[in-house]
Structures are given as structure tokens and as C-alpha cells.
Amino acid sequence: RAAKPPSRQAATAPCRRAVAPSRRQAAAPPLTSSLTRPALVAPPPPLLSGESVTSVVASSFHSAVLTDSGRLLLFGDNSHGQLGVEAANSSEVGESELVAPLSAVGPLAASRIALGEYHSLVVANSSQLFSFGLNEQHQLGRARGALWMSFPEEVDAVPLPPAEPPSLVAAGSYFSVAVFSVGRVYMWGEHPLAPPPALPSTGAADAAR
């Protein structure tokens, strides 16, 4: 279903500094609310020498790029920490951040990525499943119950098979899915028959840290 974007009003809660490297795309040309013709990403993702893109994933308001070296690059709206760094007070059209969220966690190589409406799932080192972003429907699978959590941490509130890498991850608007090679499918977050959730009115500081 089509989801209504959250309010872009400035938050009153104080913000901390981002925990991962990020940069504003100030050099990019002015953006509009829609584009009717294909256009190059400008500026392009900052690839390393000899590095190439292996996968591109897009959700309603943010996008992800995986490279052959295992780097994860995220860009777009960050009003609920879905880019893996401190949630922005506001995220208007034309204000996009480009970040490498796993660089703050450690030397991790991302292999799979799934994007929900306002949350992200990442498989790193072939076995660890990380989540970050909006958590109002518990779509992050975290033990703590904060409304959003911008720092990437492993899913720990879902009894996933130990020491077994997920063969597939997917995300709906407000739920998450992990598939394992033994044929087991795990789903958590919004119930498919539940009414649409009321989103937090602002992005602001990470409520979990």
C-alpha cells in the first residue's frame, strides 16, 4: 500500500553527532519531487579504485548500493535513521545524505540488503543480520523497544537459527523477512491485517542510544 511520508517539521530533541562517516550531497543539482526520464546519480557514489557496484536496492525514500568489496552505501531520506546514522531533524527534497553505516560497526562485508519504508536490513560477513531505522511495529527485531534506532545492531529479539546465514532477506513497508537454507522463513513486524501505523511526527535524535 502507499504510505504517507512522515512530517518534516524540525524536532525539538537534541541531536548527537553522526556515528558513521557521512556527507551532504550539496554538489548535486537541484532535485524535484519526481523525474520522468532516467538520470545519472550526481554526484555518483564514491567508489574506491577498482571497485564496482554489484547490487542496487531502492525503497520509497532511500536507496542502497552494494559493491564487490563488501561496502554498503546508503543515500536518501534519513528522518528515522534508516541510513544507519543519526536521524535527521528534517529531510526535505534535495537534502540527501550519502553514508557507509557499517564502517562504524567494524570491518564488516555486506552481502545482502533489504529496504522497508523507513528501515533497513543488512547481512554482513555472510551470517550477521543487522537492522536500523523505524521500529514502531518492531520491524527491526531488536530487544529494545525504541521507536527508531539509527545505529546498526544485530537482530536479537527473533529466534533465528544460530550460526546459520540467511539465504535471503526482504522487507515490506513495516515488516521484515529472513529465509534460511533449511527452508525456514521468519517474519516479524507489522501484521498483514493490521491497520496502517501512525508514524512519529519527527525524526530527530536516536531514541535508542
Protein backbone atom coordinates (compact mmCIF):
# COMPACT_ATOMS: atom_id res chain seq x y z
CA ARG A 1 0.00 0.00 0.00
CA ALA A 2 1.06 3.60 -0.43
CA ALA A 3 2.36 5.05 2.80
CA LYS A 4 2.12 8.67 3.79
CA PRO A 5 5.58 10.17 4.44
CA PRO A 6 6.19 11.39 8.00
CA SER A 7 6.07 15.04 8.90
CA ARG A 8 9.20 17.04 8.04
CA GLN A 9 8.89 19.50 10.92
CA ALA A 10 12.04 20.18 12.87
CA ALA A 11 12.36 18.15 16.07
CA THR A 12 12.82 19.62 19.50
CA ALA A 13 15.03 16.82 20.87
CA PRO A 14 18.78 17.48 20.68
CA CYS A 15 20.83 15.60 18.09
CA ARG A 16 24.20 13.99 18.64
CA ARG A 17 26.93 13.81 16.03
CA ALA A 18 26.64 11.07 13.43
CA VAL A 19 28.42 7.85 14.37
CA ALA A 20 29.47 6.98 10.82
CA PRO A 21 31.09 8.98 8.03
CA SER A 22 28.57 10.98 6.02
CA ARG A 23 28.49 13.89 3.66
CA ARG A 24 25.83 16.17 2.29
CA GLN A 25 25.28 15.98 -1.43
CA ALA A 26 25.50 19.74 -1.75
CA ALA A 27 27.13 19.48 -5.16
CA ALA A 28 24.17 17.66 -6.64
CA PRO A 29 21.86 19.57 -8.98
CA PRO A 30 18.51 20.72 -7.56
CA LEU A 31 16.12 17.80 -7.09
CA THR A 32 12.41 17.68 -7.75
CA SER A 33 9.69 15.52 -6.25
CA SER A 34 9.63 13.35 -9.38
CA LEU A 35 11.64 12.62 -12.51
CA THR A 36 10.08 11.44 -15.76
CA ARG A 37 13.34 10.49 -17.51
CA PRO A 38 16.31 8.35 -16.37
CA ALA A 39 19.18 10.44 -14.98
CA LEU A 40 22.62 9.66 -13.62
CA VAL A 41 23.16 9.81 -9.87
CA ALA A 42 25.03 13.08 -9.34
CA PRO A 43 27.45 13.07 -7.74
CA PRO A 44 27.99 9.32 -8.22
CA PRO A 45 28.66 7.03 -5.22
CA PRO A 46 32.30 7.41 -4.10
CA LEU A 47 33.72 4.06 -5.25
CA LEU A 48 37.22 3.01 -4.37
CA SER A 49 39.84 2.43 -7.04
CA GLY A 50 38.89 -0.70 -8.98
CA GLU A 51 35.64 -1.11 -7.04
CA SER A 52 32.36 -1.81 -8.86
CA VAL A 53 28.68 -1.91 -7.95
CA THR A 54 27.16 -5.40 -7.66
CA SER A 55 23.66 -4.61 -6.39
CA VAL A 56 21.26 -1.67 -6.17
CA VAL A 57 18.13 -1.62 -3.99
CA ALA A 58 15.55 1.14 -3.66
CA SER A 59 12.64 1.79 -1.33
CA SER A 60 10.15 4.65 -1.28
CA PHE A 61 12.51 7.23 0.23
CA HIS A 62 16.02 5.74 0.43
CA SER A 63 18.36 3.66 -1.73
CA ALA A 64 21.30 1.30 -1.23
CA VAL A 65 24.35 0.25 -3.22
CA LEU A 66 26.49 -2.84 -2.57
CA THR A 67 29.99 -3.11 -4.03
CA ASP A 68 32.20 -6.09 -4.88
CA SER A 69 34.42 -5.24 -1.91
CA GLY A 70 31.50 -5.64 0.51
CA ARG A 71 30.92 -1.95 1.13
CA LEU A 72 27.37 -0.71 1.74
CA LEU A 73 26.44 2.81 0.65
CA LEU A 74 23.05 4.29 1.56
CA PHE A 75 21.53 7.58 0.48
CA GLY A 76 18.19 9.40 0.56
CA ASP A 77 15.81 10.24 3.39
CA ASN A 78 17.13 9.69 6.93
CA SER A 79 14.25 11.03 9.02
CA HIS A 80 14.11 7.80 11.09
CA GLY A 81 17.73 6.66 10.96
CA GLN A 82 17.17 4.32 8.01
CA LEU A 83 20.59 5.25 6.58
CA GLY A 84 22.33 3.87 9.65
CA VAL A 85 23.45 7.18 11.17
CA GLU A 86 21.87 9.74 13.50
CA ALA A 87 18.31 10.52 12.37
CA ALA A 88 18.00 13.90 10.67
CA ASN A 89 15.86 16.66 12.18
CA SER A 90 14.40 17.19 8.72
CA SER A 91 14.87 15.67 5.30
CA GLU A 92 13.43 17.82 2.58
CA VAL A 93 13.52 17.14 -1.15
CA GLY A 94 17.07 17.84 -2.33
CA GLU A 95 18.61 17.17 1.11
CA SER A 96 20.13 13.70 0.89
CA GLU A 97 22.93 12.11 2.87
CA LEU A 98 25.34 9.51 1.48
CA VAL A 99 26.70 7.25 4.22
CA ALA A 100 28.58 3.99 4.81
CA PRO A 101 26.83 2.85 8.01
CA LEU A 102 28.77 -0.36 8.67
CA SER A 103 32.10 1.48 8.84
CA ALA A 104 31.24 2.49 12.43
CA VAL A 105 30.46 -1.10 13.45
CA GLY A 106 33.72 -2.73 12.35
CA PRO A 107 35.38 -4.46 9.39
CA LEU A 108 32.18 -5.97 8.01
CA ALA A 109 31.48 -7.05 4.44
CA ALA A 110 27.84 -6.61 3.39
CA SER A 111 26.39 -9.29 1.14
CA ARG A 112 22.64 -8.64 1.13
CA ILE A 113 20.41 -5.62 1.72
CA ALA A 114 16.66 -5.13 2.05
CA LEU A 115 14.86 -1.82 2.47
CA GLY A 116 11.48 -1.23 4.05
CA GLU A 117 9.58 2.02 4.01
CA TYR A 118 11.71 3.55 6.77
CA HIS A 119 14.03 0.72 7.89
CA SER A 120 16.94 -1.30 6.51
CA LEU A 121 18.22 -4.87 6.87
CA VAL A 122 21.79 -5.89 6.08
CA VAL A 123 23.50 -9.29 6.04
CA ALA A 124 27.20 -8.83 6.85
CA ASN A 125 30.09 -11.29 6.99
CA SER A 126 27.70 -13.77 5.33
CA SER A 127 25.91 -14.53 8.61
CA GLN A 128 25.20 -11.47 10.79
CA LEU A 129 21.83 -9.77 10.27
CA PHE A 130 21.78 -6.06 11.15
CA SER A 131 18.80 -3.69 11.26
CA PHE A 132 18.27 0.04 11.73
CA GLY A 133 15.61 2.71 11.15
CA LEU A 134 11.96 2.95 12.20
CA ASN A 135 10.88 0.35 14.75
CA GLU A 136 7.31 1.29 15.66
CA GLN A 137 5.98 -2.10 14.53
CA HIS A 138 9.07 -3.94 15.88
CA GLN A 139 10.28 -4.45 12.31
CA LEU A 140 13.91 -4.20 13.48
CA GLY A 141 13.68 -7.37 15.55
CA ARG A 142 15.54 -5.72 18.41
CA ALA A 143 15.11 -6.44 22.12
CA ARG A 144 14.83 -2.77 22.97
CA GLY A 145 11.53 -1.10 22.16
CA ALA A 146 12.58 2.32 20.88
CA LEU A 147 10.53 3.88 18.08
CA TRP A 148 13.63 4.18 15.88
CA MET A 149 17.22 3.08 16.18
CA SER A 150 19.77 4.52 13.79
CA PHE A 151 22.89 2.60 14.84
CA PRO A 152 23.26 -0.78 13.05
CA GLU A 153 22.95 -3.65 15.51
CA GLU A 154 22.20 -7.34 15.12
CA VAL A 155 18.64 -8.67 15.21
CA ASP A 156 18.38 -10.22 18.68
CA ALA A 157 14.67 -10.43 19.55
CA VAL A 158 13.82 -13.02 16.88
CA PRO A 159 14.90 -16.68 17.48
CA LEU A 160 16.83 -17.04 14.23
CA PRO A 161 18.83 -20.26 13.66
CA PRO A 162 22.24 -19.88 15.35
CA ALA A 163 25.40 -19.94 13.22
CA GLU A 164 23.38 -20.23 10.02
CA PRO A 165 23.47 -17.46 7.41
CA PRO A 166 20.18 -16.27 5.91
CA SER A 167 19.93 -17.10 2.22
CA LEU A 168 17.54 -14.21 1.60
CA VAL A 169 16.31 -11.09 3.40
CA ALA A 170 13.34 -8.97 2.40
CA ALA A 171 11.36 -6.08 3.84
CA GLY A 172 7.85 -4.79 3.44
CA SER A 173 6.75 -1.34 4.47
CA TYR A 174 6.70 -2.18 8.18
CA PHE A 175 7.81 -5.83 8.44
CA SER A 176 10.93 -7.91 7.81
CA VAL A 177 11.64 -11.39 6.44
CA ALA A 178 14.62 -13.76 6.66
CA VAL A 179 14.81 -17.06 4.76
CA PHE A 180 17.27 -19.82 5.69
CA SER A 181 18.66 -22.65 3.60
CA VAL A 182 16.86 -25.29 5.65
CA GLY A 183 13.57 -23.87 4.35
CA ARG A 184 12.56 -21.90 7.42
CA VAL A 185 11.02 -18.45 6.94
CA TYR A 186 10.96 -15.90 9.76
CA MET A 187 8.79 -12.78 9.66
CA TRP A 188 8.45 -10.00 12.23
CA GLY A 189 6.94 -6.53 12.41
CA GLU A 190 3.51 -5.36 11.28
CA HIS A 191 0.78 -7.97 10.96
CA PRO A 192 -0.53 -8.04 7.35
CA LEU A 193 -4.10 -7.40 8.53
CA ALA A 194 -3.18 -4.61 10.96
CA PRO A 195 -4.25 -1.01 10.26
CA PRO A 196 -1.55 1.39 9.00
CA PRO A 197 0.66 2.63 11.87
CA ALA A 198 0.77 6.28 12.87
CA LEU A 199 4.33 7.41 12.16
CA PRO A 200 6.31 9.53 14.64
CA SER A 201 5.87 13.19 13.80
CA THR A 202 9.61 13.92 13.69
CA GLY A 203 12.93 12.19 13.05
CA ALA A 204 15.41 13.79 15.43
CA ALA A 205 17.76 12.08 17.83
CA ASP A 206 18.29 8.34 18.08
CA ALA A 207 15.86 7.23 20.76
CA ALA A 208 17.80 4.07 21.42
CA ARG A 209 21.28 5.34 22.28
